[in-house]
Amino acid sequence: MADEPNVASVVRIAGPQDYDEVWRLLMASHAENGIFPLDEDKVRWFVNRIIYPETISLNDTGTRGVAGVIGPVQALEGIVLIVIGTFWYSGAKHLEEMTLFVDPNHRRSGHAVALLNWMKAQVQATGLPLMTGILSNHRTEAKCRLYQRQMPKLGEFYFVTPEGLSPPSSAIN
């Protein structure tokens, strides 16, 4: 695909007016990088919590997060979703990237770096460390090099399927 002219790589917080475009980018992210089958109801629940946090009751201890986006309303070019998480062995909170995705028509922009830098800025703003990484075999090496230029590496991931089952389409490349 030919690259279209890009907007400036400025990240802003997604709001209700961005819902449809957030959805579009998340569906494209899953199509390119999804490891497990898409559950649209779960995605909708997740997006609603991020786009409409004021609707979460005070006693609800479920997922909280934010979506950083690049582009005007009705024409988003990139997205990153981060949530507050904890590991099974600790109550210490951290920021956890759910997805970072740039629309294929805008990959030759500075959007991916801007989204990575925005996540790092959230570390400073919240005082919470960030866990992020690459879970895809689509252009994996290039993505890993980009991340390695931006932040220190900590570990690796591996994926094994039960005998007789094919790996997810994103793991074939």
C-alpha atoms as a PDB file:
ATOM      1  CA  MET A   1       0.000   0.000   0.000  1.00  0.00           C
ATOM      2  CA  ALA A   2       1.195   3.470  -0.727  1.00  0.00           C
ATOM      3  CA  ASP A   3       1.659   5.691   2.267  1.00  0.00           C
ATOM      4  CA  GLU A   4      -0.838   8.489   2.586  1.00  0.00           C
ATOM      5  CA  PRO A   5       0.184  11.897   3.915  1.00  0.00           C
ATOM      6  CA  ASN A   6       0.481  11.693   7.694  1.00  0.00           C
ATOM      7  CA  VAL A   7      -0.667  14.035  10.378  1.00  0.00           C
ATOM      8  CA  ALA A   8       1.941  15.126  12.896  1.00  0.00           C
ATOM      9  CA  SER A   9       2.916  12.330  15.281  1.00  0.00           C
ATOM     10  CA  VAL A  10       1.162  13.905  18.262  1.00  0.00           C
ATOM     11  CA  VAL A  11      -0.495  11.514  20.721  1.00  0.00           C
ATOM     12  CA  ARG A  12      -3.729  12.476  22.453  1.00  0.00           C
ATOM     13  CA  ILE A  13      -6.126  10.602  24.734  1.00  0.00           C
ATOM     14  CA  ALA A  14      -8.965   8.907  22.856  1.00  0.00           C
ATOM     15  CA  GLY A  15     -12.458  10.086  23.710  1.00  0.00           C
ATOM     16  CA  PRO A  16     -16.015   9.013  22.891  1.00  0.00           C
ATOM     17  CA  GLN A  17     -15.809  10.694  19.482  1.00  0.00           C
ATOM     18  CA  ASP A  18     -12.990   8.267  18.572  1.00  0.00           C
ATOM     19  CA  TYR A  19     -14.880   5.053  19.362  1.00  0.00           C
ATOM     20  CA  ASP A  20     -15.432   3.897  15.763  1.00  0.00           C
ATOM     21  CA  GLU A  21     -11.849   4.584  14.735  1.00  0.00           C
ATOM     22  CA  VAL A  22     -10.457   2.976  17.901  1.00  0.00           C
ATOM     23  CA  TRP A  23     -12.548  -0.084  17.001  1.00  0.00           C
ATOM     24  CA  ARG A  24     -11.249  -0.085  13.408  1.00  0.00           C
ATOM     25  CA  LEU A  25      -7.614   0.080  14.529  1.00  0.00           C
ATOM     26  CA  LEU A  26      -8.126  -2.648  17.142  1.00  0.00           C
ATOM     27  CA  MET A  27      -9.702  -4.944  14.544  1.00  0.00           C
ATOM     28  CA  ALA A  28      -6.774  -4.285  12.195  1.00  0.00           C
ATOM     29  CA  SER A  29      -4.316  -4.916  15.035  1.00  0.00           C
ATOM     30  CA  HIS A  30      -5.969  -8.248  15.788  1.00  0.00           C
ATOM     31  CA  ALA A  31      -6.043  -9.223  12.113  1.00  0.00           C
ATOM     32  CA  GLU A  32      -2.294  -8.606  11.872  1.00  0.00           C
ATOM     33  CA  ASN A  33      -1.115  -9.729  15.307  1.00  0.00           C
ATOM     34  CA  GLY A  34      -3.888 -11.708  17.011  1.00  0.00           C
ATOM     35  CA  ILE A  35      -2.782 -14.944  18.630  1.00  0.00           C
ATOM     36  CA  PHE A  36      -6.202 -16.132  19.830  1.00  0.00           C
ATOM     37  CA  PRO A  37      -9.679 -15.876  18.245  1.00  0.00           C
ATOM     38  CA  LEU A  38     -11.329 -12.472  18.430  1.00  0.00           C
ATOM     39  CA  ASP A  39     -14.065 -12.057  21.054  1.00  0.00           C
ATOM     40  CA  GLU A  40     -15.839  -8.866  19.999  1.00  0.00           C
ATOM     41  CA  ASP A  41     -17.912  -8.722  23.198  1.00  0.00           C
ATOM     42  CA  LYS A  42     -14.744  -8.779  25.294  1.00  0.00           C
ATOM     43  CA  VAL A  43     -13.121  -6.112  23.114  1.00  0.00           C
ATOM     44  CA  ARG A  44     -16.245  -3.946  23.373  1.00  0.00           C
ATOM     45  CA  TRP A  45     -16.240  -4.327  27.203  1.00  0.00           C
ATOM     46  CA  PHE A  46     -12.564  -3.367  27.276  1.00  0.00           C
ATOM     47  CA  VAL A  47     -12.931  -0.377  24.931  1.00  0.00           C
ATOM     48  CA  ASN A  48     -15.970   0.909  26.817  1.00  0.00           C
ATOM     49  CA  ARG A  49     -13.965   0.917  30.074  1.00  0.00           C
ATOM     50  CA  ILE A  50     -11.182   2.893  28.408  1.00  0.00           C
ATOM     51  CA  ILE A  51     -13.311   5.342  26.406  1.00  0.00           C
ATOM     52  CA  TYR A  52     -15.999   5.808  29.095  1.00  0.00           C
ATOM     53  CA  PRO A  53     -14.160   5.414  32.436  1.00  0.00           C
ATOM     54  CA  GLU A  54     -16.779   7.524  34.214  1.00  0.00           C
ATOM     55  CA  THR A  55     -19.253   4.636  33.800  1.00  0.00           C
ATOM     56  CA  ILE A  56     -17.161   2.268  35.960  1.00  0.00           C
ATOM     57  CA  SER A  57     -18.601   1.961  39.452  1.00  0.00           C
ATOM     58  CA  LEU A  58     -16.330   2.859  42.353  1.00  0.00           C
ATOM     59  CA  ASN A  59     -16.390  -0.671  43.784  1.00  0.00           C
ATOM     60  CA  ASP A  60     -15.424  -2.230  40.427  1.00  0.00           C
ATOM     61  CA  THR A  61     -11.811  -3.430  40.656  1.00  0.00           C
ATOM     62  CA  GLY A  62     -11.569  -4.492  37.002  1.00  0.00           C
ATOM     63  CA  THR A  63      -9.334  -3.228  34.253  1.00  0.00           C
ATOM     64  CA  ARG A  64      -8.554   0.494  34.032  1.00  0.00           C
ATOM     65  CA  GLY A  65      -6.615   2.011  31.168  1.00  0.00           C
ATOM     66  CA  VAL A  66      -6.216   4.643  28.535  1.00  0.00           C
ATOM     67  CA  ALA A  67      -5.886   4.798  24.762  1.00  0.00           C
ATOM     68  CA  GLY A  68      -3.356   7.135  23.219  1.00  0.00           C
ATOM     69  CA  VAL A  69      -4.168   7.908  19.577  1.00  0.00           C
ATOM     70  CA  ILE A  70      -2.678   9.817  16.678  1.00  0.00           C
ATOM     71  CA  GLY A  71      -4.837  11.522  14.092  1.00  0.00           C
ATOM     72  CA  PRO A  72      -8.029  13.505  13.844  1.00  0.00           C
ATOM     73  CA  VAL A  73     -11.462  12.217  14.828  1.00  0.00           C
ATOM     74  CA  GLN A  74     -12.780   9.907  12.080  1.00  0.00           C
ATOM     75  CA  ALA A  75      -9.247   9.357  10.703  1.00  0.00           C
ATOM     76  CA  LEU A  76      -6.987   7.840  13.360  1.00  0.00           C
ATOM     77  CA  GLU A  77      -3.559   6.693  12.188  1.00  0.00           C
ATOM     78  CA  GLY A  78      -2.207   4.973  15.304  1.00  0.00           C
ATOM     79  CA  ILE A  79      -3.192   3.694  18.735  1.00  0.00           C
ATOM     80  CA  VAL A  80      -1.666   2.354  21.910  1.00  0.00           C
ATOM     81  CA  LEU A  81      -3.693   0.834  24.755  1.00  0.00           C
ATOM     82  CA  ILE A  82      -2.177   0.672  28.223  1.00  0.00           C
ATOM     83  CA  VAL A  83      -3.768  -0.639  31.394  1.00  0.00           C
ATOM     84  CA  ILE A  84      -2.796  -0.848  35.038  1.00  0.00           C
ATOM     85  CA  GLY A  85      -1.846  -4.411  35.908  1.00  0.00           C
ATOM     86  CA  THR A  86      -0.179  -6.534  38.557  1.00  0.00           C
ATOM     87  CA  PHE A  87       1.724  -9.794  38.457  1.00  0.00           C
ATOM     88  CA  TRP A  88       0.331 -12.855  40.201  1.00  0.00           C
ATOM     89  CA  TYR A  89       2.999 -12.667  42.903  1.00  0.00           C
ATOM     90  CA  SER A  90       2.784  -9.004  43.823  1.00  0.00           C
ATOM     91  CA  GLY A  91       0.401  -6.187  44.547  1.00  0.00           C
ATOM     92  CA  ALA A  92       2.835  -3.740  42.932  1.00  0.00           C
ATOM     93  CA  LYS A  93       1.117  -2.045  40.009  1.00  0.00           C
ATOM     94  CA  HIS A  94       2.622  -1.512  36.559  1.00  0.00           C
ATOM     95  CA  LEU A  95       1.512  -0.180  33.192  1.00  0.00           C
ATOM     96  CA  GLU A  96       0.910  -2.915  30.635  1.00  0.00           C
ATOM     97  CA  GLU A  97       0.686  -2.365  26.895  1.00  0.00           C
ATOM     98  CA  MET A  98      -2.208  -4.246  25.306  1.00  0.00           C
ATOM     99  CA  THR A  99      -1.465  -3.183  21.739  1.00  0.00           C
ATOM    100  CA  LEU A 100       0.483  -0.591  19.825  1.00  0.00           C
ATOM    101  CA  PHE A 101      -0.621  -0.344  16.198  1.00  0.00           C
ATOM    102  CA  VAL A 102      -0.070   2.055  13.317  1.00  0.00           C
ATOM    103  CA  ASP A 103      -2.415   1.892  10.330  1.00  0.00           C
ATOM    104  CA  PRO A 104      -0.528   0.278   7.423  1.00  0.00           C
ATOM    105  CA  ASN A 105      -1.080   3.413   5.298  1.00  0.00           C
ATOM    106  CA  HIS A 106       0.926   5.429   7.833  1.00  0.00           C
ATOM    107  CA  ARG A 107       3.822   3.149   8.716  1.00  0.00           C
ATOM    108  CA  ARG A 108       6.494   5.427   7.255  1.00  0.00           C
ATOM    109  CA  SER A 109       5.626   8.166   9.714  1.00  0.00           C
ATOM    110  CA  GLY A 110       7.076   8.739  13.140  1.00  0.00           C
ATOM    111  CA  HIS A 111       3.900   7.386  14.736  1.00  0.00           C
ATOM    112  CA  ALA A 112       5.309   4.174  16.247  1.00  0.00           C
ATOM    113  CA  VAL A 113       8.136   6.059  17.953  1.00  0.00           C
ATOM    114  CA  ALA A 114       5.709   8.753  19.129  1.00  0.00           C
ATOM    115  CA  LEU A 115       3.412   6.103  20.640  1.00  0.00           C
ATOM    116  CA  LEU A 116       6.375   4.408  22.354  1.00  0.00           C
ATOM    117  CA  ASN A 117       7.548   7.760  23.719  1.00  0.00           C
ATOM    118  CA  TRP A 118       4.026   8.533  24.932  1.00  0.00           C
ATOM    119  CA  MET A 119       3.963   5.241  26.845  1.00  0.00           C
ATOM    120  CA  LYS A 120       7.312   6.108  28.414  1.00  0.00           C
ATOM    121  CA  ALA A 121       5.922   9.521  29.383  1.00  0.00           C
ATOM    122  CA  GLN A 122       3.057   7.724  31.170  1.00  0.00           C
ATOM    123  CA  VAL A 123       5.694   5.966  33.291  1.00  0.00           C
ATOM    124  CA  GLN A 124       6.885   9.359  34.506  1.00  0.00           C
ATOM    125  CA  ALA A 125       3.352  10.730  34.908  1.00  0.00           C
ATOM    126  CA  THR A 126       2.101   7.768  36.959  1.00  0.00           C
ATOM    127  CA  GLY A 127       5.297   6.623  38.673  1.00  0.00           C
ATOM    128  CA  LEU A 128       4.508   3.079  37.475  1.00  0.00           C
ATOM    129  CA  PRO A 129       6.924   0.922  35.431  1.00  0.00           C
ATOM    130  CA  LEU A 130       5.909  -0.196  31.925  1.00  0.00           C
ATOM    131  CA  MET A 131       5.730  -3.748  30.569  1.00  0.00           C
ATOM    132  CA  THR A 132       5.588  -3.859  26.789  1.00  0.00           C
ATOM    133  CA  GLY A 133       6.719  -6.186  24.050  1.00  0.00           C
ATOM    134  CA  ILE A 134       6.186  -7.840  20.691  1.00  0.00           C
ATOM    135  CA  LEU A 135       3.732 -10.753  20.406  1.00  0.00           C
ATOM    136  CA  SER A 136       3.667 -11.267  16.653  1.00  0.00           C
ATOM    137  CA  ASN A 137       5.660 -12.845  13.877  1.00  0.00           C
ATOM    138  CA  HIS A 138       4.596 -10.201  11.365  1.00  0.00           C
ATOM    139  CA  ARG A 139       7.762  -8.110  10.793  1.00  0.00           C
ATOM    140  CA  THR A 140       8.939  -9.255  14.222  1.00  0.00           C
ATOM    141  CA  GLU A 141      12.626  -8.447  13.846  1.00  0.00           C
ATOM    142  CA  ALA A 142      11.958  -4.882  12.676  1.00  0.00           C
ATOM    143  CA  LYS A 143       9.516  -4.329  15.547  1.00  0.00           C
ATOM    144  CA  CYS A 144      12.007  -5.759  18.055  1.00  0.00           C
ATOM    145  CA  ARG A 145      14.783  -3.495  16.753  1.00  0.00           C
ATOM    146  CA  LEU A 146      12.506  -0.457  17.096  1.00  0.00           C
ATOM    147  CA  TYR A 147      11.632  -1.356  20.691  1.00  0.00           C
ATOM    148  CA  GLN A 148      15.272  -2.114  21.546  1.00  0.00           C
ATOM    149  CA  ARG A 149      16.274   1.355  20.340  1.00  0.00           C
ATOM    150  CA  GLN A 150      13.659   2.900  22.644  1.00  0.00           C
ATOM    151  CA  MET A 151      13.934   0.951  25.922  1.00  0.00           C
ATOM    152  CA  PRO A 152      15.824  -1.808  27.714  1.00  0.00           C
ATOM    153  CA  LYS A 153      14.998  -5.441  26.914  1.00  0.00           C
ATOM    154  CA  LEU A 154      13.714  -7.800  29.610  1.00  0.00           C
ATOM    155  CA  GLY A 155      13.218 -11.440  28.570  1.00  0.00           C
ATOM    156  CA  GLU A 156      11.510 -13.037  25.562  1.00  0.00           C
ATOM    157  CA  PHE A 157       8.237 -14.859  24.779  1.00  0.00           C
ATOM    158  CA  TYR A 158       7.643 -18.316  23.270  1.00  0.00           C
ATOM    159  CA  PHE A 159       4.459 -19.989  22.024  1.00  0.00           C
ATOM    160  CA  VAL A 160       3.634 -23.714  21.834  1.00  0.00           C
ATOM    161  CA  THR A 161       0.385 -25.148  20.475  1.00  0.00           C
ATOM    162  CA  PRO A 162      -1.082 -28.545  21.369  1.00  0.00           C
ATOM    163  CA  GLU A 163      -0.103 -31.311  18.939  1.00  0.00           C
ATOM    164  CA  GLY A 164      -2.338 -31.303  15.891  1.00  0.00           C
ATOM    165  CA  LEU A 165      -3.323 -27.647  16.160  1.00  0.00           C
ATOM    166  CA  SER A 166      -1.884 -25.023  13.858  1.00  0.00           C
ATOM    167  CA  PRO A 167      -0.206 -21.946  15.256  1.00  0.00           C
ATOM    168  CA  PRO A 168      -2.253 -18.749  14.939  1.00  0.00           C
ATOM    169  CA  SER A 169      -2.027 -17.037  11.549  1.00  0.00           C
ATOM    170  CA  SER A 170       0.039 -14.215  13.038  1.00  0.00           C
ATOM    171  CA  ALA A 171       2.659 -16.788  14.112  1.00  0.00           C
ATOM    172  CA  ILE A 172       3.164 -17.939  10.521  1.00  0.00           C
ATOM    173  CA  ASN A 173       5.467 -15.781   8.438  1.00  0.00           C
END
